[in-house]
Amino acid sequence: MIIGGMVLDIHATPSIPANPRTTTLGKANYVLGGVARNVAECMSKLGAKPYMISALGLDMEIYCWNTGNLLAYL
């Protein structure tokens, strides 16, 4: 059993060089992360069947988890 965090990592890349205190266009990628989730994924790749408990909020991240087919990663 794994008890811990699942988070949505945001990787942002500017499309032009960024200037301090300004808005810069770019691209954002959302990546499933969190220590407990990463451990569960590694255990799964090693053939184990991990059982994970984590708290989730009612925000954009939970929408991404639900639409991102979380079960495919565990």
Protein backbone atom coordinates (compact mmCIF):
# COMPACT_ATOMS: atom_id res chain seq x y z
CA MET A 1 0.00 0.00 0.00
CA ILE A 2 1.27 3.45 -0.95
CA ILE A 3 -0.08 6.54 0.80
CA GLY A 4 1.03 9.87 -0.57
CA GLY A 5 0.75 12.57 -3.15
CA MET A 6 -0.43 12.66 -6.72
CA VAL A 7 0.13 15.99 -8.44
CA LEU A 8 -0.13 17.45 -11.88
CA ASP A 9 3.26 18.81 -12.91
CA ILE A 10 3.17 21.77 -15.28
CA HIS A 11 6.10 22.08 -17.69
CA ALA A 12 6.08 25.52 -19.36
CA THR A 13 8.31 26.48 -22.28
CA PRO A 14 8.41 30.04 -23.65
CA SER A 15 8.19 30.38 -27.44
CA ILE A 16 10.44 33.48 -27.35
CA PRO A 17 13.07 34.62 -24.84
CA ALA A 18 11.33 35.68 -21.63
CA ASN A 19 11.73 39.16 -20.15
CA PRO A 20 11.33 39.78 -16.41
CA ARG A 21 7.97 41.23 -15.28
CA THR A 22 6.28 40.63 -18.65
CA THR A 23 3.91 38.08 -20.14
CA THR A 24 5.52 35.64 -22.56
CA LEU A 25 3.76 33.34 -24.99
CA GLY A 26 4.63 29.70 -24.80
CA LYS A 27 3.43 26.16 -24.38
CA ALA A 28 2.39 24.30 -21.23
CA ASN A 29 2.41 20.51 -20.88
CA TYR A 30 0.72 18.70 -18.01
CA VAL A 31 2.47 15.59 -16.70
CA LEU A 32 1.09 13.18 -14.10
CA GLY A 33 3.42 13.22 -11.10
CA GLY A 34 3.79 13.05 -7.35
CA VAL A 35 6.07 10.85 -5.28
CA ALA A 36 3.45 8.22 -4.41
CA ARG A 37 2.19 8.07 -8.00
CA ASN A 38 5.74 7.72 -9.31
CA VAL A 39 6.45 4.89 -6.85
CA ALA A 40 3.20 3.15 -7.84
CA GLU A 41 4.09 3.46 -11.53
CA CYS A 42 7.57 1.97 -10.96
CA MET A 43 6.14 -0.90 -8.89
CA SER A 44 3.63 -1.59 -11.65
CA LYS A 45 6.41 -1.70 -14.26
CA LEU A 46 8.19 -4.27 -12.07
CA GLY A 47 5.10 -6.51 -12.13
CA ALA A 48 3.59 -5.59 -8.74
CA LYS A 49 -0.03 -4.55 -8.24
CA PRO A 50 0.30 -1.41 -6.09
CA TYR A 51 -2.65 -0.08 -4.07
CA MET A 52 -2.46 3.68 -3.61
CA ILE A 53 -4.35 6.11 -1.39
CA SER A 54 -4.15 9.84 -2.10
CA ALA A 55 -6.22 12.98 -1.61
CA LEU A 56 -7.57 14.86 -4.62
CA GLY A 57 -9.09 18.33 -4.81
CA LEU A 58 -12.02 19.65 -6.82
CA ASP A 59 -10.06 21.67 -9.37
CA MET A 60 -8.63 21.55 -12.88
CA GLU A 61 -6.08 18.94 -11.87
CA ILE A 62 -8.74 16.36 -10.94
CA TYR A 63 -10.31 16.90 -14.37
CA CYS A 64 -6.92 16.12 -15.98
CA TRP A 65 -6.50 13.01 -13.80
CA ASN A 66 -9.99 11.77 -14.73
CA THR A 67 -9.64 12.48 -18.46
CA GLY A 68 -6.01 11.32 -18.56
CA ASN A 69 -6.97 7.66 -18.01
CA LEU A 70 -5.16 7.39 -14.67
CA LEU A 71 -5.59 3.62 -14.57
CA ALA A 72 -3.36 3.28 -17.61
CA TYR A 73 -0.46 4.62 -15.53
CA LEU A 74 -0.92 2.35 -12.50
